[in-house]
Amino acid sequence: MSTVYADPFCQAIEQVFKLMLDVEVFSCSSDAGLACANEQEVAVVVELTGDIEGVVLFRFPQSTTLKIVKLMCGMEIDQLDAFVTSAMAEMSNIISGNAVTNLSQENYHCDIKPPQIMISDRDKLPLHLKSSIPLQSAVGYIQIDMSLSKNR
């Protein structure tokens, strides 16, 4: 998959994490996610339509998720619940909206559909997408999986 599609999502997650959490995000090796391999994760699926179509899957291990939500709301959170998944869906929606704005600057006009949320064991997600982008931050490991293509 072209970095033309991936870069806007990487830029968006960097922008949103810096603005909302005051946390830097950077690329890392996929091995960094092995430390979270036995955790449940919040997976947020966002579908793109328009000039570019497909699916983006934001994967947040439980430990990362709980740290993000603590920073967002200032409350100590110790379990994945409806409040936590709603917060992560909203953050993923903001990231996706920023990515679509970034894509529009490259003359790709896209829309996003409302996010779908799953809590799953890390190795049991039903989706297998073409490309994975491993990211690291002070709050933990994040992974973006995507399968995007130009609409013909």
Protein backbone atom coordinates (compact mmCIF):
# COMPACT_ATOMS: atom_id res chain seq x y z
CA MET A 1 0.00 0.00 0.00
CA SER A 2 1.21 3.47 -0.84
CA THR A 3 2.56 5.74 1.88
CA VAL A 4 0.32 8.38 0.28
CA TYR A 5 -2.51 6.64 2.18
CA ALA A 6 -0.62 5.74 5.36
CA ASP A 7 1.23 9.00 6.01
CA PRO A 8 -1.91 11.09 6.60
CA PHE A 9 -2.96 8.69 9.37
CA CYS A 10 0.48 8.74 10.98
CA GLN A 11 0.52 12.55 10.85
CA ALA A 12 -3.00 12.69 12.28
CA ILE A 13 -2.26 10.41 15.23
CA GLU A 14 0.87 12.45 15.98
CA GLN A 15 -1.14 15.70 15.87
CA VAL A 16 -4.04 14.42 17.97
CA PHE A 17 -1.87 12.78 20.63
CA LYS A 18 0.22 15.94 20.95
CA LEU A 19 -2.81 18.22 21.14
CA MET A 20 -5.10 16.11 23.34
CA LEU A 21 -2.58 14.27 25.53
CA ASP A 22 0.67 16.24 25.17
CA VAL A 23 2.31 12.95 24.15
CA GLU A 24 4.74 12.36 21.29
CA VAL A 25 4.18 9.40 18.96
CA PHE A 26 6.94 7.82 16.90
CA SER A 27 7.50 4.82 14.64
CA CYS A 28 8.87 1.64 16.15
CA SER A 29 9.42 -1.99 15.21
CA SER A 30 6.52 -4.41 15.35
CA ASP A 31 8.44 -6.27 18.06
CA ALA A 32 7.50 -3.46 20.46
CA GLY A 33 3.97 -4.84 20.52
CA LEU A 34 5.12 -8.20 21.86
CA ALA A 35 5.13 -6.81 25.40
CA CYS A 36 1.36 -6.35 25.07
CA ALA A 37 0.71 -9.69 23.38
CA ASN A 38 -1.22 -11.18 26.29
CA GLU A 39 -3.45 -8.15 26.85
CA GLN A 40 -6.92 -7.50 25.62
CA GLU A 41 -7.15 -4.55 23.31
CA VAL A 42 -9.61 -1.95 22.19
CA ALA A 43 -9.88 -2.11 18.43
CA VAL A 44 -11.65 0.70 16.62
CA VAL A 45 -12.64 0.15 12.98
CA VAL A 46 -13.18 3.19 10.76
CA GLU A 47 -14.37 2.80 7.18
CA LEU A 48 -13.35 5.29 4.49
CA THR A 49 -15.43 6.04 1.40
CA GLY A 50 -14.81 8.35 -1.54
CA ASP A 51 -11.66 8.69 -3.65
CA ILE A 52 -9.93 6.27 -1.28
CA GLU A 53 -11.92 3.46 0.25
CA GLY A 54 -11.28 0.72 2.72
CA VAL A 55 -10.81 0.12 6.42
CA VAL A 56 -8.51 1.49 9.11
CA LEU A 57 -8.17 -0.40 12.39
CA PHE A 58 -6.75 1.41 15.42
CA ARG A 59 -5.43 -1.12 17.94
CA PHE A 60 -4.82 -0.01 21.51
CA PRO A 61 -3.65 -2.59 24.08
CA GLN A 62 -5.48 -2.40 27.41
CA SER A 63 -2.52 -0.83 29.25
CA THR A 64 -2.19 1.89 26.58
CA THR A 65 -5.95 2.46 26.50
CA LEU A 66 -6.23 2.98 30.24
CA LYS A 67 -3.34 5.47 30.26
CA ILE A 68 -4.86 7.42 27.35
CA VAL A 69 -8.27 7.67 29.01
CA LYS A 70 -6.68 8.68 32.32
CA LEU A 71 -4.92 11.57 30.54
CA MET A 72 -8.10 12.51 28.66
CA CYS A 73 -10.42 12.63 31.66
CA GLY A 74 -8.12 12.93 34.67
CA MET A 75 -9.65 9.90 36.38
CA GLU A 76 -7.99 6.67 37.45
CA ILE A 77 -9.47 3.92 35.28
CA ASP A 78 -8.71 0.24 35.86
CA GLN A 79 -10.92 -1.68 33.44
CA LEU A 80 -12.22 -1.62 29.90
CA ASP A 81 -15.84 -0.50 30.06
CA ALA A 82 -18.35 1.49 27.99
CA PHE A 83 -16.87 4.83 29.08
CA VAL A 84 -13.37 3.76 28.04
CA THR A 85 -14.42 2.30 24.68
CA SER A 86 -16.50 5.40 23.93
CA ALA A 87 -13.50 7.64 24.65
CA MET A 88 -11.27 5.56 22.40
CA ALA A 89 -13.87 5.56 19.61
CA GLU A 90 -14.06 9.35 19.83
CA MET A 91 -10.27 9.71 19.77
CA SER A 92 -10.07 7.38 16.73
CA ASN A 93 -12.83 9.37 15.05
CA ILE A 94 -10.88 12.62 15.60
CA ILE A 95 -7.69 11.02 14.25
CA SER A 96 -9.58 9.73 11.20
CA GLY A 97 -11.16 13.12 10.60
CA ASN A 98 -7.73 14.76 10.69
CA ALA A 99 -6.38 12.08 8.33
CA VAL A 100 -9.21 12.74 5.87
CA THR A 101 -8.36 16.46 6.06
CA ASN A 102 -4.71 15.58 5.35
CA LEU A 103 -5.82 13.44 2.39
CA SER A 104 -7.92 16.33 1.03
CA GLN A 105 -4.75 18.42 0.88
CA GLU A 106 -3.47 15.81 -1.58
CA ASN A 107 -6.73 16.13 -3.60
CA TYR A 108 -8.31 12.93 -2.28
CA HIS A 109 -11.88 13.52 -1.14
CA CYS A 110 -13.05 11.00 1.42
CA ASP A 111 -15.60 10.56 4.18
CA ILE A 112 -15.50 8.38 7.26
CA LYS A 113 -18.27 6.24 8.66
CA PRO A 114 -18.94 6.08 12.42
CA PRO A 115 -16.39 3.94 14.26
CA GLN A 116 -17.12 0.38 15.32
CA ILE A 117 -15.58 -0.78 18.58
CA MET A 118 -14.36 -4.23 19.59
CA ILE A 119 -12.68 -5.52 22.71
CA SER A 120 -10.72 -8.62 21.90
CA ASP A 121 -7.69 -10.67 22.75
CA ARG A 122 -4.85 -9.33 20.67
CA ASP A 123 -4.48 -12.40 18.47
CA LYS A 124 -8.21 -13.04 17.95
CA LEU A 125 -9.32 -10.05 15.90
CA PRO A 126 -11.41 -11.13 12.91
CA LEU A 127 -9.80 -8.60 10.55
CA HIS A 128 -6.55 -9.19 8.69
CA LEU A 129 -5.56 -6.05 6.83
CA LYS A 130 -2.83 -5.39 4.26
CA SER A 131 -0.60 -3.00 6.15
CA SER A 132 0.41 -2.46 9.79
CA ILE A 133 2.05 0.61 11.26
CA PRO A 134 3.54 0.07 14.74
CA LEU A 135 3.82 3.20 16.88
CA GLN A 136 5.20 3.90 20.33
CA SER A 137 4.48 6.70 22.79
CA ALA A 138 4.89 7.54 26.48
CA VAL A 139 1.49 5.94 27.08
CA GLY A 140 2.43 2.72 25.29
CA TYR A 141 2.20 0.78 22.05
CA ILE A 142 -0.33 1.61 19.32
CA GLN A 143 -0.89 -0.12 16.01
CA ILE A 144 -2.72 1.09 12.93
CA ASP A 145 -3.75 -1.61 10.46
CA MET A 146 -5.23 -0.60 7.15
CA SER A 147 -6.44 -1.79 3.83
CA LEU A 148 -7.04 1.23 1.58
CA SER A 149 -7.16 1.62 -2.18
CA LYS A 150 -8.03 4.22 -4.73
CA ASN A 151 -11.68 4.04 -5.74
CA ARG A 152 -11.91 3.41 -9.50
